[in-house]
């Protein structure tokens, strides 16, 4: 019996792909959060488990070129004068998901979004200060690579990130006209699912190809806040007691919220009952 119990624990731990978890406070970088949510929940279905590999500056530059944030001429795809129109009207800097700081960065089909310098740099600084360089004791990577992690968002901070919150037409994340990607032939187009994409993981998609709101996973934290885990993996095991990196002291996962105890935007629809 003891052997079986130990084996069960080992098998369960083997399903945990979140070696670390970072909770994003989207207050100061709402557009970056929009891009993250679209990449994971939208038709692209990009990886939600990432690995920070402490890349050199040159590796990050190559990844930005691979993703399309940097064009073949060396300029940003969001350059006001010669960037990708009309997206370059949204801001001078290009944000990409997956992040260039991870081994998944630079992949084909990465989601791109033009935005202000302050928004773009704020998320990068947040990841460096609150995950990559944060001590392992506080839920971070301890500045030791490789470090696998997943991303969550603080539900209280996504009011200005409709591609995360579902505020756009009651579903999320439909392309709001600001998400684009680099094509295999070198051009650019609106980010969406292509029939030729064979590596797209899309369980239970809505009719528009997005991941349904009621299947988004939400967790209660030790300080009473709620976080939404950015993943389409319904089988990923997130154990109670997991220490999670934040902008302050580390928080601990209490439990996953289910059904009608979830935040309103994430609750399953319940058919109205009628009395004859």
C-alpha atoms as a PDB file:
ATOM      1  CA  UNK A   1       0.000   0.000   0.000  1.00  0.00           C
ATOM      2  CA  UNK A   2       2.842   2.390   0.902  1.00  0.00           C
ATOM      3  CA  UNK A   3       4.625   1.575  -2.362  1.00  0.00           C
ATOM      4  CA  UNK A   4       1.471   2.286  -4.351  1.00  0.00           C
ATOM      5  CA  UNK A   5       0.956   5.629  -2.551  1.00  0.00           C
ATOM      6  CA  UNK A   6       4.532   6.699  -3.210  1.00  0.00           C
ATOM      7  CA  UNK A   7       4.226   5.740  -6.855  1.00  0.00           C
ATOM      8  CA  UNK A   8       1.014   7.735  -7.167  1.00  0.00           C
ATOM      9  CA  UNK A   9       2.752  10.803  -5.762  1.00  0.00           C
ATOM     10  CA  UNK A  10       5.649  10.402  -8.202  1.00  0.00           C
ATOM     11  CA  UNK A  11       3.296  10.045 -11.146  1.00  0.00           C
ATOM     12  CA  UNK A  12       1.326  13.091 -10.072  1.00  0.00           C
ATOM     13  CA  UNK A  13       4.461  15.185  -9.686  1.00  0.00           C
ATOM     14  CA  UNK A  14       5.532  14.074 -13.131  1.00  0.00           C
ATOM     15  CA  UNK A  15       2.531  15.946 -14.543  1.00  0.00           C
ATOM     16  CA  UNK A  16       3.579  19.251 -12.986  1.00  0.00           C
ATOM     17  CA  UNK A  17       5.076  21.299 -15.768  1.00  0.00           C
ATOM     18  CA  UNK A  18       5.211  24.502 -13.731  1.00  0.00           C
ATOM     19  CA  UNK A  19       8.612  24.233 -12.053  1.00  0.00           C
ATOM     20  CA  UNK A  20       7.989  27.843 -11.066  1.00  0.00           C
ATOM     21  CA  UNK A  21       5.018  30.139 -11.505  1.00  0.00           C
ATOM     22  CA  UNK A  22       4.962  33.903 -11.908  1.00  0.00           C
ATOM     23  CA  UNK A  23       1.847  35.971 -11.255  1.00  0.00           C
ATOM     24  CA  UNK A  24       1.729  39.015 -13.517  1.00  0.00           C
ATOM     25  CA  UNK A  25       0.399  42.290 -12.186  1.00  0.00           C
ATOM     26  CA  UNK A  26      -0.918  43.694 -15.459  1.00  0.00           C
ATOM     27  CA  UNK A  27      -1.522  47.189 -14.080  1.00  0.00           C
ATOM     28  CA  UNK A  28       1.597  48.684 -15.660  1.00  0.00           C
ATOM     29  CA  UNK A  29       1.738  46.541 -18.801  1.00  0.00           C
ATOM     30  CA  UNK A  30      -1.836  45.814 -19.922  1.00  0.00           C
ATOM     31  CA  UNK A  31      -0.904  45.503 -23.603  1.00  0.00           C
ATOM     32  CA  UNK A  32       1.824  42.952 -22.873  1.00  0.00           C
ATOM     33  CA  UNK A  33      -0.733  40.933 -20.914  1.00  0.00           C
ATOM     34  CA  UNK A  34      -3.122  41.183 -23.861  1.00  0.00           C
ATOM     35  CA  UNK A  35      -0.447  39.673 -26.086  1.00  0.00           C
ATOM     36  CA  UNK A  36       0.307  36.862 -23.618  1.00  0.00           C
ATOM     37  CA  UNK A  37      -3.368  35.942 -23.315  1.00  0.00           C
ATOM     38  CA  UNK A  38      -3.960  36.006 -27.057  1.00  0.00           C
ATOM     39  CA  UNK A  39      -0.926  33.825 -27.731  1.00  0.00           C
ATOM     40  CA  UNK A  40      -2.020  31.171 -25.245  1.00  0.00           C
ATOM     41  CA  UNK A  41      -5.814  31.296 -25.331  1.00  0.00           C
ATOM     42  CA  UNK A  42      -6.344  32.490 -28.886  1.00  0.00           C
ATOM     43  CA  UNK A  43      -6.195  30.506 -32.105  1.00  0.00           C
ATOM     44  CA  UNK A  44      -2.363  30.417 -32.171  1.00  0.00           C
ATOM     45  CA  UNK A  45      -2.338  28.105 -29.077  1.00  0.00           C
ATOM     46  CA  UNK A  46       1.302  28.873 -28.263  1.00  0.00           C
ATOM     47  CA  UNK A  47       3.177  27.065 -25.452  1.00  0.00           C
ATOM     48  CA  UNK A  48       2.138  27.971 -21.927  1.00  0.00           C
ATOM     49  CA  UNK A  49       5.084  26.248 -20.248  1.00  0.00           C
ATOM     50  CA  UNK A  50       8.264  28.225 -20.858  1.00  0.00           C
ATOM     51  CA  UNK A  51      11.944  27.829 -20.006  1.00  0.00           C
ATOM     52  CA  UNK A  52      14.193  30.745 -19.126  1.00  0.00           C
ATOM     53  CA  UNK A  53      17.665  29.794 -20.339  1.00  0.00           C
ATOM     54  CA  UNK A  54      19.573  32.973 -19.437  1.00  0.00           C
ATOM     55  CA  UNK A  55      20.216  33.865 -23.084  1.00  0.00           C
ATOM     56  CA  UNK A  56      22.940  36.237 -24.193  1.00  0.00           C
ATOM     57  CA  UNK A  57      21.981  39.541 -25.794  1.00  0.00           C
ATOM     58  CA  UNK A  58      22.833  38.152 -29.223  1.00  0.00           C
ATOM     59  CA  UNK A  59      20.602  35.112 -28.689  1.00  0.00           C
ATOM     60  CA  UNK A  60      17.715  37.353 -27.668  1.00  0.00           C
ATOM     61  CA  UNK A  61      18.269  39.501 -30.755  1.00  0.00           C
ATOM     62  CA  UNK A  62      18.175  36.416 -32.966  1.00  0.00           C
ATOM     63  CA  UNK A  63      14.964  35.270 -31.296  1.00  0.00           C
ATOM     64  CA  UNK A  64      13.324  38.626 -31.914  1.00  0.00           C
ATOM     65  CA  UNK A  65      14.311  38.332 -35.544  1.00  0.00           C
ATOM     66  CA  UNK A  66      12.910  34.796 -35.662  1.00  0.00           C
ATOM     67  CA  UNK A  67       9.594  35.824 -34.129  1.00  0.00           C
ATOM     68  CA  UNK A  68       9.314  38.749 -36.514  1.00  0.00           C
ATOM     69  CA  UNK A  69       9.589  41.556 -33.965  1.00  0.00           C
ATOM     70  CA  UNK A  70      12.788  42.546 -35.753  1.00  0.00           C
ATOM     71  CA  UNK A  71      12.465  42.734 -39.524  1.00  0.00           C
ATOM     72  CA  UNK A  72      15.075  41.528 -42.019  1.00  0.00           C
ATOM     73  CA  UNK A  73      16.375  45.106 -42.343  1.00  0.00           C
ATOM     74  CA  UNK A  74      17.121  45.202 -38.616  1.00  0.00           C
ATOM     75  CA  UNK A  75      14.323  47.616 -37.747  1.00  0.00           C
ATOM     76  CA  UNK A  76      11.433  46.925 -35.422  1.00  0.00           C
ATOM     77  CA  UNK A  77       8.216  45.679 -36.981  1.00  0.00           C
ATOM     78  CA  UNK A  78       6.640  48.527 -35.008  1.00  0.00           C
ATOM     79  CA  UNK A  79       8.903  51.242 -36.388  1.00  0.00           C
ATOM     80  CA  UNK A  80       6.722  54.296 -36.987  1.00  0.00           C
ATOM     81  CA  UNK A  81       8.129  55.014 -40.449  1.00  0.00           C
ATOM     82  CA  UNK A  82       8.851  51.622 -41.993  1.00  0.00           C
ATOM     83  CA  UNK A  83       7.230  49.054 -39.717  1.00  0.00           C
ATOM     84  CA  UNK A  84       4.284  46.780 -40.422  1.00  0.00           C
ATOM     85  CA  UNK A  85       1.172  48.811 -41.186  1.00  0.00           C
ATOM     86  CA  UNK A  86      -1.313  49.333 -39.618  1.00  0.00           C
ATOM     87  CA  UNK A  87       0.070  47.727 -36.456  1.00  0.00           C
ATOM     88  CA  UNK A  88       2.954  50.190 -36.159  1.00  0.00           C
ATOM     89  CA  UNK A  89       0.400  52.893 -35.372  1.00  0.00           C
ATOM     90  CA  UNK A  90      -0.124  51.310 -31.939  1.00  0.00           C
ATOM     91  CA  UNK A  91       3.335  52.117 -30.580  1.00  0.00           C
ATOM     92  CA  UNK A  92       7.048  52.047 -31.419  1.00  0.00           C
ATOM     93  CA  UNK A  93       8.101  48.807 -29.717  1.00  0.00           C
ATOM     94  CA  UNK A  94       7.253  45.194 -30.527  1.00  0.00           C
ATOM     95  CA  UNK A  95       6.226  42.674 -27.902  1.00  0.00           C
ATOM     96  CA  UNK A  96       6.392  38.973 -28.675  1.00  0.00           C
ATOM     97  CA  UNK A  97       4.993  35.842 -27.084  1.00  0.00           C
ATOM     98  CA  UNK A  98       6.688  33.467 -26.302  1.00  0.00           C
ATOM     99  CA  UNK A  99       9.247  35.736 -24.634  1.00  0.00           C
ATOM    100  CA  UNK A 100      12.658  36.186 -26.259  1.00  0.00           C
ATOM    101  CA  UNK A 101      14.184  35.429 -22.856  1.00  0.00           C
ATOM    102  CA  UNK A 102      12.962  31.818 -23.077  1.00  0.00           C
ATOM    103  CA  UNK A 103      14.039  28.869 -25.197  1.00  0.00           C
ATOM    104  CA  UNK A 104      10.614  28.924 -26.841  1.00  0.00           C
ATOM    105  CA  UNK A 105      11.231  32.486 -28.047  1.00  0.00           C
ATOM    106  CA  UNK A 106      11.769  33.080 -31.744  1.00  0.00           C
ATOM    107  CA  UNK A 107       9.394  30.328 -32.779  1.00  0.00           C
ATOM    108  CA  UNK A 108       7.332  30.508 -35.942  1.00  0.00           C
ATOM    109  CA  UNK A 109       3.851  31.848 -35.376  1.00  0.00           C
ATOM    110  CA  UNK A 110       4.735  33.936 -32.316  1.00  0.00           C
ATOM    111  CA  UNK A 111       2.128  36.582 -31.569  1.00  0.00           C
ATOM    112  CA  UNK A 112       3.311  40.171 -32.006  1.00  0.00           C
ATOM    113  CA  UNK A 113       1.812  43.407 -30.719  1.00  0.00           C
ATOM    114  CA  UNK A 114       3.000  47.004 -31.042  1.00  0.00           C
ATOM    115  CA  UNK A 115       2.850  49.125 -27.893  1.00  0.00           C
ATOM    116  CA  UNK A 116       4.442  51.896 -25.885  1.00  0.00           C
ATOM    117  CA  UNK A 117       8.027  51.545 -24.680  1.00  0.00           C
ATOM    118  CA  UNK A 118       6.906  51.812 -21.074  1.00  0.00           C
ATOM    119  CA  UNK A 119       4.433  48.928 -21.372  1.00  0.00           C
ATOM    120  CA  UNK A 120       6.880  46.659 -23.183  1.00  0.00           C
ATOM    121  CA  UNK A 121       9.825  47.320 -20.885  1.00  0.00           C
ATOM    122  CA  UNK A 122       7.666  47.032 -17.761  1.00  0.00           C
ATOM    123  CA  UNK A 123       6.833  43.377 -18.385  1.00  0.00           C
ATOM    124  CA  UNK A 124      10.444  42.525 -19.200  1.00  0.00           C
ATOM    125  CA  UNK A 125      11.610  44.183 -16.001  1.00  0.00           C
ATOM    126  CA  UNK A 126       8.863  42.431 -14.053  1.00  0.00           C
ATOM    127  CA  UNK A 127       9.989  39.013 -15.272  1.00  0.00           C
ATOM    128  CA  UNK A 128      13.651  39.734 -14.517  1.00  0.00           C
ATOM    129  CA  UNK A 129      13.071  41.151 -11.062  1.00  0.00           C
ATOM    130  CA  UNK A 130      10.262  38.927  -9.848  1.00  0.00           C
ATOM    131  CA  UNK A 131      11.066  35.585 -11.470  1.00  0.00           C
ATOM    132  CA  UNK A 132      14.453  35.149 -13.117  1.00  0.00           C
ATOM    133  CA  UNK A 133      16.493  36.861 -10.381  1.00  0.00           C
ATOM    134  CA  UNK A 134      14.182  36.225  -7.433  1.00  0.00           C
ATOM    135  CA  UNK A 135      15.377  33.634  -4.930  1.00  0.00           C
ATOM    136  CA  UNK A 136      14.118  30.085  -5.129  1.00  0.00           C
ATOM    137  CA  UNK A 137      12.948  30.472  -1.520  1.00  0.00           C
ATOM    138  CA  UNK A 138      10.562  33.176  -2.754  1.00  0.00           C
ATOM    139  CA  UNK A 139       9.275  31.172  -5.705  1.00  0.00           C
ATOM    140  CA  UNK A 140      11.726  32.469  -8.318  1.00  0.00           C
ATOM    141  CA  UNK A 141      14.447  30.948 -10.477  1.00  0.00           C
ATOM    142  CA  UNK A 142      17.283  32.106  -8.217  1.00  0.00           C
ATOM    143  CA  UNK A 143      19.174  33.381 -11.278  1.00  0.00           C
ATOM    144  CA  UNK A 144      19.848  29.743 -12.169  1.00  0.00           C
ATOM    145  CA  UNK A 145      19.040  28.489 -15.664  1.00  0.00           C
ATOM    146  CA  UNK A 146      17.379  26.543 -17.102  1.00  0.00           C
ATOM    147  CA  UNK A 147      14.244  27.422 -15.181  1.00  0.00           C
ATOM    148  CA  UNK A 148      10.863  26.135 -16.346  1.00  0.00           C
ATOM    149  CA  UNK A 149       7.827  28.173 -15.427  1.00  0.00           C
ATOM    150  CA  UNK A 150       4.210  28.959 -16.172  1.00  0.00           C
ATOM    151  CA  UNK A 151       2.493  32.330 -16.172  1.00  0.00           C
ATOM    152  CA  UNK A 152      -0.611  33.459 -14.317  1.00  0.00           C
ATOM    153  CA  UNK A 153      -2.327  36.829 -14.056  1.00  0.00           C
ATOM    154  CA  UNK A 154      -3.741  38.541 -10.981  1.00  0.00           C
ATOM    155  CA  UNK A 155      -7.480  38.721 -11.645  1.00  0.00           C
ATOM    156  CA  UNK A 156      -7.637  42.144  -9.980  1.00  0.00           C
ATOM    157  CA  UNK A 157      -5.245  43.685 -12.527  1.00  0.00           C
ATOM    158  CA  UNK A 158      -6.639  42.683 -15.924  1.00  0.00           C
ATOM    159  CA  UNK A 159      -9.345  45.313 -16.243  1.00  0.00           C
ATOM    160  CA  UNK A 160      -7.398  47.033 -19.023  1.00  0.00           C
ATOM    161  CA  UNK A 161      -6.460  43.752 -20.720  1.00  0.00           C
ATOM    162  CA  UNK A 162      -9.684  42.643 -22.470  1.00  0.00           C
ATOM    163  CA  UNK A 163      -7.944  39.761 -24.249  1.00  0.00           C
ATOM    164  CA  UNK A 164      -7.430  38.292 -20.771  1.00  0.00           C
ATOM    165  CA  UNK A 165     -10.641  39.345 -19.057  1.00  0.00           C
ATOM    166  CA  UNK A 166     -13.129  38.569 -21.812  1.00  0.00           C
ATOM    167  CA  UNK A 167     -14.387  42.154 -21.837  1.00  0.00           C
ATOM    168  CA  UNK A 168     -14.399  42.183 -25.640  1.00  0.00           C
ATOM    169  CA  UNK A 169     -17.845  40.960 -26.693  1.00  0.00           C
ATOM    170  CA  UNK A 170     -18.076  38.553 -23.787  1.00  0.00           C
ATOM    171  CA  UNK A 171     -15.423  36.195 -25.066  1.00  0.00           C
ATOM    172  CA  UNK A 172     -11.669  36.225 -25.033  1.00  0.00           C
ATOM    173  CA  UNK A 173      -9.363  36.483 -26.760  1.00  0.00           C
ATOM    174  CA  UNK A 174     -10.716  37.449 -30.155  1.00  0.00           C
ATOM    175  CA  UNK A 175      -8.105  39.319 -32.165  1.00  0.00           C
ATOM    176  CA  UNK A 176      -8.898  42.955 -31.440  1.00  0.00           C
ATOM    177  CA  UNK A 177      -7.167  44.054 -34.622  1.00  0.00           C
ATOM    178  CA  UNK A 178      -3.785  44.616 -32.974  1.00  0.00           C
ATOM    179  CA  UNK A 179      -2.346  41.077 -32.945  1.00  0.00           C
ATOM    180  CA  UNK A 180      -0.180  40.021 -35.885  1.00  0.00           C
ATOM    181  CA  UNK A 181       2.487  37.509 -36.824  1.00  0.00           C
ATOM    182  CA  UNK A 182       5.296  36.862 -39.252  1.00  0.00           C
ATOM    183  CA  UNK A 183       4.486  34.476 -42.105  1.00  0.00           C
ATOM    184  CA  UNK A 184       6.809  31.686 -43.184  1.00  0.00           C
ATOM    185  CA  UNK A 185       7.408  33.513 -46.459  1.00  0.00           C
ATOM    186  CA  UNK A 186       8.635  36.594 -44.635  1.00  0.00           C
ATOM    187  CA  UNK A 187       5.560  38.820 -44.779  1.00  0.00           C
ATOM    188  CA  UNK A 188       3.164  39.685 -41.970  1.00  0.00           C
ATOM    189  CA  UNK A 189      -0.537  39.105 -41.371  1.00  0.00           C
ATOM    190  CA  UNK A 190      -3.166  39.227 -38.659  1.00  0.00           C
ATOM    191  CA  UNK A 191      -2.546  36.553 -36.049  1.00  0.00           C
ATOM    192  CA  UNK A 192      -4.997  33.715 -36.467  1.00  0.00           C
ATOM    193  CA  UNK A 193      -5.100  29.966 -36.821  1.00  0.00           C
ATOM    194  CA  UNK A 194      -3.951  28.668 -40.190  1.00  0.00           C
ATOM    195  CA  UNK A 195      -5.110  25.330 -41.603  1.00  0.00           C
ATOM    196  CA  UNK A 196      -1.493  24.412 -42.298  1.00  0.00           C
ATOM    197  CA  UNK A 197      -0.512  24.746 -38.640  1.00  0.00           C
ATOM    198  CA  UNK A 198      -0.099  21.160 -37.444  1.00  0.00           C
ATOM    199  CA  UNK A 199       1.346  21.925 -34.025  1.00  0.00           C
ATOM    200  CA  UNK A 200      -1.686  23.736 -32.629  1.00  0.00           C
ATOM    201  CA  UNK A 201      -3.168  22.341 -29.437  1.00  0.00           C
ATOM    202  CA  UNK A 202      -6.808  23.385 -29.320  1.00  0.00           C
ATOM    203  CA  UNK A 203      -8.924  21.336 -26.904  1.00  0.00           C
ATOM    204  CA  UNK A 204     -12.590  22.301 -26.642  1.00  0.00           C
ATOM    205  CA  UNK A 205     -12.295  25.438 -28.789  1.00  0.00           C
ATOM    206  CA  UNK A 206     -15.099  27.945 -29.107  1.00  0.00           C
ATOM    207  CA  UNK A 207     -16.561  28.362 -32.563  1.00  0.00           C
ATOM    208  CA  UNK A 208     -14.129  31.213 -33.186  1.00  0.00           C
ATOM    209  CA  UNK A 209     -11.124  29.095 -32.226  1.00  0.00           C
ATOM    210  CA  UNK A 210     -10.553  30.632 -28.796  1.00  0.00           C
ATOM    211  CA  UNK A 211     -10.290  28.686 -25.556  1.00  0.00           C
ATOM    212  CA  UNK A 212     -13.631  28.953 -23.687  1.00  0.00           C
ATOM    213  CA  UNK A 213     -13.776  31.275 -20.701  1.00  0.00           C
ATOM    214  CA  UNK A 214     -15.395  28.684 -18.435  1.00  0.00           C
ATOM    215  CA  UNK A 215     -12.460  26.314 -18.938  1.00  0.00           C
ATOM    216  CA  UNK A 216      -9.853  28.881 -17.862  1.00  0.00           C
ATOM    217  CA  UNK A 217      -8.301  27.735 -14.607  1.00  0.00           C
ATOM    218  CA  UNK A 218      -8.501  29.945 -11.518  1.00  0.00           C
ATOM    219  CA  UNK A 219      -6.802  29.517  -8.146  1.00  0.00           C
ATOM    220  CA  UNK A 220      -7.276  30.988  -4.689  1.00  0.00           C
ATOM    221  CA  UNK A 221      -4.072  32.319  -3.133  1.00  0.00           C
ATOM    222  CA  UNK A 222      -2.951  32.544   0.481  1.00  0.00           C
ATOM    223  CA  UNK A 223      -3.666  36.294   0.655  1.00  0.00           C
ATOM    224  CA  UNK A 224      -7.206  35.883  -0.677  1.00  0.00           C
ATOM    225  CA  UNK A 225      -6.446  37.052  -4.216  1.00  0.00           C
ATOM    226  CA  UNK A 226      -7.358  35.031  -7.289  1.00  0.00           C
ATOM    227  CA  UNK A 227      -5.121  34.208 -10.212  1.00  0.00           C
ATOM    228  CA  UNK A 228      -5.881  32.841 -13.667  1.00  0.00           C
ATOM    229  CA  UNK A 229      -3.342  30.329 -14.941  1.00  0.00           C
ATOM    230  CA  UNK A 230      -2.529  31.020 -18.589  1.00  0.00           C
ATOM    231  CA  UNK A 231      -2.775  27.528 -20.016  1.00  0.00           C
ATOM    232  CA  UNK A 232      -5.066  25.352 -22.093  1.00  0.00           C
ATOM    233  CA  UNK A 233      -3.756  22.256 -20.312  1.00  0.00           C
ATOM    234  CA  UNK A 234      -6.598  20.954 -18.175  1.00  0.00           C
ATOM    235  CA  UNK A 235      -4.424  18.141 -16.816  1.00  0.00           C
ATOM    236  CA  UNK A 236      -1.533  20.210 -15.475  1.00  0.00           C
ATOM    237  CA  UNK A 237      -1.267  19.491 -11.762  1.00  0.00           C
ATOM    238  CA  UNK A 238      -0.925  22.600  -9.596  1.00  0.00           C
ATOM    239  CA  UNK A 239      -0.584  21.356  -6.015  1.00  0.00           C
ATOM    240  CA  UNK A 240      -1.929  23.157  -2.981  1.00  0.00           C
ATOM    241  CA  UNK A 241       0.987  24.758  -1.181  1.00  0.00           C
ATOM    242  CA  UNK A 242       2.892  25.658  -4.352  1.00  0.00           C
ATOM    243  CA  UNK A 243       4.913  28.824  -3.750  1.00  0.00           C
ATOM    244  CA  UNK A 244       4.323  31.393  -6.467  1.00  0.00           C
ATOM    245  CA  UNK A 245       6.520  34.360  -7.390  1.00  0.00           C
ATOM    246  CA  UNK A 246       4.901  37.813  -7.310  1.00  0.00           C
ATOM    247  CA  UNK A 247       5.986  41.449  -7.248  1.00  0.00           C
ATOM    248  CA  UNK A 248       6.036  41.253  -3.448  1.00  0.00           C
ATOM    249  CA  UNK A 249       6.399  38.375  -1.054  1.00  0.00           C
ATOM    250  CA  UNK A 250       5.742  34.929  -2.441  1.00  0.00           C
ATOM    251  CA  UNK A 251       2.186  33.653  -2.237  1.00  0.00           C
ATOM    252  CA  UNK A 252       0.997  30.093  -1.799  1.00  0.00           C
ATOM    253  CA  UNK A 253      -1.672  28.312  -3.808  1.00  0.00           C
ATOM    254  CA  UNK A 254      -4.555  27.287  -1.556  1.00  0.00           C
ATOM    255  CA  UNK A 255      -6.719  25.429  -4.072  1.00  0.00           C
ATOM    256  CA  UNK A 256      -8.250  25.512  -7.532  1.00  0.00           C
ATOM    257  CA  UNK A 257     -11.648  27.180  -7.835  1.00  0.00           C
ATOM    258  CA  UNK A 258     -14.346  25.307  -9.710  1.00  0.00           C
ATOM    259  CA  UNK A 259     -17.775  25.956 -11.166  1.00  0.00           C
ATOM    260  CA  UNK A 260     -19.792  28.780  -9.658  1.00  0.00           C
ATOM    261  CA  UNK A 261     -17.121  29.652  -7.091  1.00  0.00           C
ATOM    262  CA  UNK A 262     -14.947  31.042  -9.889  1.00  0.00           C
ATOM    263  CA  UNK A 263     -14.924  34.727 -10.812  1.00  0.00           C
ATOM    264  CA  UNK A 264     -18.042  35.671 -12.835  1.00  0.00           C
ATOM    265  CA  UNK A 265     -16.259  35.860 -16.188  1.00  0.00           C
ATOM    266  CA  UNK A 266     -14.928  32.320 -15.728  1.00  0.00           C
ATOM    267  CA  UNK A 267     -18.056  30.607 -14.463  1.00  0.00           C
ATOM    268  CA  UNK A 268     -19.775  27.988 -16.623  1.00  0.00           C
ATOM    269  CA  UNK A 269     -23.078  29.027 -18.091  1.00  0.00           C
ATOM    270  CA  UNK A 270     -26.063  27.547 -16.292  1.00  0.00           C
ATOM    271  CA  UNK A 271     -29.274  27.063 -18.243  1.00  0.00           C
ATOM    272  CA  UNK A 272     -32.200  28.968 -16.799  1.00  0.00           C
ATOM    273  CA  UNK A 273     -34.887  26.835 -15.220  1.00  0.00           C
ATOM    274  CA  UNK A 274     -38.471  27.334 -16.273  1.00  0.00           C
ATOM    275  CA  UNK A 275     -41.561  26.612 -14.224  1.00  0.00           C
ATOM    276  CA  UNK A 276     -44.646  25.529 -16.188  1.00  0.00           C
END
